[in-house]
Amino acid sequence: MVHAIIHLNGVDKTGKDSIKTEIVKQSNGRILVVARSFLSQIVYNRIYNRFIDESFFIKKMKKLQRDKDYHFIYLEANKKDLEKRFQKHNEDDLKIQDINYHISIFENIIRELKEHKIEIKKINTSNYNIKHTVEGILKLL
């Protein structure tokens, strides 16, 4: 089993916390998982005008990516699934009508990071249950 550090990012209700818990479980604690990491910092900086120094986070990501034990993953889900999850969990941190805007900011920043040679792997959490999603993530390592 690989030892690694995984950074999970994605809009609300894509499964970050559930997947984080399952990765730790399936890896017997050999994998450290950080939810809402550098990518999320940059995204929410732009959405909420926080005025952080984005270059600081980009430099850190570039440096960490050179170490093959660090992995940056973007969790996405189909809009219908997100709507169902919002309703099921009575989400009130984000309005469902704002979700497309948040997704577009994540996608734009992922494209920008690619220009900096930072690879963000994408996983669609609509396609599989949590256990199978994690198995797919672990195969990427």
Protein backbone atom coordinates (compact mmCIF):
# COMPACT_ATOMS: atom_id res chain seq x y z
CA MET A 1 0.00 0.00 0.00
CA VAL A 2 1.23 3.41 -1.01
CA HIS A 3 1.89 6.17 1.49
CA ALA A 4 0.64 9.45 0.07
CA ILE A 5 -0.95 12.80 0.69
CA ILE A 6 -4.11 13.59 -1.24
CA HIS A 7 -5.65 17.04 -1.57
CA LEU A 8 -9.40 16.82 -2.29
CA ASN A 9 -11.24 19.81 -3.67
CA GLY A 10 -14.62 20.42 -5.23
CA VAL A 11 -17.86 22.31 -4.86
CA ASP A 12 -20.20 21.56 -1.98
CA LYS A 13 -21.77 18.10 -1.90
CA THR A 14 -19.26 16.38 -4.19
CA GLY A 15 -18.31 14.01 -1.36
CA LYS A 16 -15.04 15.43 -0.06
CA ASP A 17 -15.55 14.51 3.59
CA SER A 18 -17.12 11.11 2.91
CA ILE A 19 -14.37 10.21 0.45
CA LYS A 20 -11.70 11.49 2.83
CA THR A 21 -12.99 9.17 5.56
CA GLU A 22 -13.15 6.18 3.20
CA ILE A 23 -9.61 6.77 1.85
CA VAL A 24 -8.22 6.77 5.38
CA LYS A 25 -10.19 3.60 6.11
CA GLN A 26 -9.17 1.73 2.94
CA SER A 27 -5.52 2.77 3.32
CA ASN A 28 -5.37 1.84 7.01
CA GLY A 29 -4.27 5.40 7.73
CA ARG A 30 -1.31 5.33 5.34
CA ILE A 31 -2.76 8.14 3.30
CA LEU A 32 -3.24 11.63 4.69
CA VAL A 33 -6.18 13.39 3.10
CA VAL A 34 -6.64 17.15 3.10
CA ALA A 35 -10.10 18.38 2.11
CA ARG A 36 -10.45 21.91 0.76
CA SER A 37 -6.83 22.62 0.04
CA PHE A 38 -4.89 25.03 -2.17
CA LEU A 39 -7.29 24.87 -5.10
CA SER A 40 -10.27 25.70 -2.89
CA GLN A 41 -8.35 28.63 -1.34
CA ILE A 42 -7.84 30.14 -4.78
CA VAL A 43 -11.43 29.47 -5.88
CA TYR A 44 -13.02 30.98 -2.80
CA ASN A 45 -10.60 33.89 -2.94
CA ARG A 46 -12.10 34.79 -6.30
CA ILE A 47 -15.69 34.06 -5.37
CA TYR A 48 -15.64 35.96 -2.08
CA ASN A 49 -12.96 38.58 -2.88
CA ARG A 50 -10.65 37.56 -0.05
CA PHE A 51 -7.57 39.21 -1.57
CA ILE A 52 -5.08 36.45 -0.82
CA ASP A 53 -1.80 36.05 -2.66
CA GLU A 54 -2.73 33.27 -5.09
CA SER A 55 0.86 32.96 -6.28
CA PHE A 56 1.82 31.70 -2.82
CA PHE A 57 -0.53 28.72 -3.20
CA ILE A 58 0.45 28.10 -6.82
CA LYS A 59 4.15 27.98 -5.88
CA LYS A 60 3.39 25.54 -3.05
CA MET A 61 1.39 23.31 -5.38
CA LYS A 62 4.19 23.28 -7.97
CA LYS A 63 6.73 22.39 -5.32
CA LEU A 64 4.59 19.64 -3.77
CA GLN A 65 3.68 18.14 -7.13
CA ARG A 66 7.35 17.37 -7.80
CA ASP A 67 7.08 14.91 -4.93
CA LYS A 68 5.20 11.98 -6.46
CA ASP A 69 3.52 11.24 -3.12
CA TYR A 70 1.32 14.35 -3.37
CA HIS A 71 -1.87 14.21 -5.42
CA PHE A 72 -4.35 16.97 -6.23
CA ILE A 73 -7.86 15.76 -7.00
CA TYR A 74 -10.94 17.70 -8.05
CA LEU A 75 -14.23 16.00 -7.21
CA GLU A 76 -17.11 16.84 -9.48
CA ALA A 77 -20.68 15.57 -9.81
CA ASN A 78 -23.53 15.89 -12.26
CA LYS A 79 -25.81 18.84 -11.56
CA LYS A 80 -28.88 16.63 -10.96
CA ASP A 81 -26.95 14.64 -8.37
CA LEU A 82 -25.75 17.83 -6.69
CA GLU A 83 -29.33 19.11 -6.53
CA LYS A 84 -30.47 15.86 -4.88
CA ARG A 85 -27.60 16.00 -2.39
CA PHE A 86 -28.38 19.64 -1.56
CA GLN A 87 -31.99 18.73 -0.82
CA LYS A 88 -31.15 15.55 1.10
CA HIS A 89 -28.68 17.34 3.37
CA ASN A 90 -30.71 20.55 3.62
CA GLU A 91 -27.67 22.50 2.41
CA ASP A 92 -27.73 26.16 3.40
CA ASP A 93 -24.10 27.23 2.94
CA LEU A 94 -24.57 27.54 -0.81
CA LYS A 95 -27.66 28.03 -2.95
CA ILE A 96 -28.15 25.46 -5.68
CA GLN A 97 -28.60 28.28 -8.21
CA ASP A 98 -25.03 29.42 -7.44
CA ILE A 99 -23.49 26.01 -8.03
CA ASN A 100 -22.82 26.57 -11.76
CA TYR A 101 -20.88 29.71 -10.94
CA HIS A 102 -18.74 27.87 -8.39
CA ILE A 103 -18.14 25.02 -10.84
CA SER A 104 -17.07 27.48 -13.54
CA ILE A 105 -14.56 29.13 -11.19
CA PHE A 106 -13.09 25.74 -10.23
CA GLU A 107 -12.84 24.78 -13.92
CA ASN A 108 -11.22 28.11 -14.87
CA ILE A 109 -8.61 27.81 -12.14
CA ILE A 110 -7.85 24.19 -13.03
CA ARG A 111 -7.15 25.40 -16.59
CA GLU A 112 -4.92 28.17 -15.23
CA LEU A 113 -3.04 25.70 -13.03
CA LYS A 114 -2.49 23.46 -16.05
CA GLU A 115 -0.66 26.39 -17.66
CA HIS A 116 1.63 26.28 -14.61
CA LYS A 117 2.14 22.54 -15.24
CA ILE A 118 0.08 21.61 -12.16
CA GLU A 119 -1.98 18.49 -12.74
CA ILE A 120 -5.36 18.22 -11.08
CA LYS A 121 -6.97 14.81 -11.51
CA LYS A 122 -10.75 14.88 -11.93
CA ILE A 123 -13.10 12.31 -10.43
CA ASN A 124 -16.86 12.39 -11.03
CA THR A 125 -18.57 11.23 -7.85
CA SER A 126 -21.88 10.70 -9.65
CA ASN A 127 -20.56 7.63 -11.41
CA TYR A 128 -19.88 5.36 -8.43
CA ASN A 129 -20.65 4.96 -4.76
CA ILE A 130 -18.13 6.21 -2.20
CA LYS A 131 -16.33 2.89 -1.83
CA HIS A 132 -15.85 2.43 -5.58
CA THR A 133 -14.88 6.08 -6.05
CA VAL A 134 -12.13 5.63 -3.47
CA GLU A 135 -10.94 2.42 -5.12
CA GLY A 136 -10.60 4.41 -8.36
CA ILE A 137 -8.68 7.17 -6.60
CA LEU A 138 -6.30 4.67 -5.01
CA LYS A 139 -5.58 3.16 -8.44
CA LEU A 140 -4.43 6.60 -9.62
CA LEU A 141 -1.67 6.70 -7.02
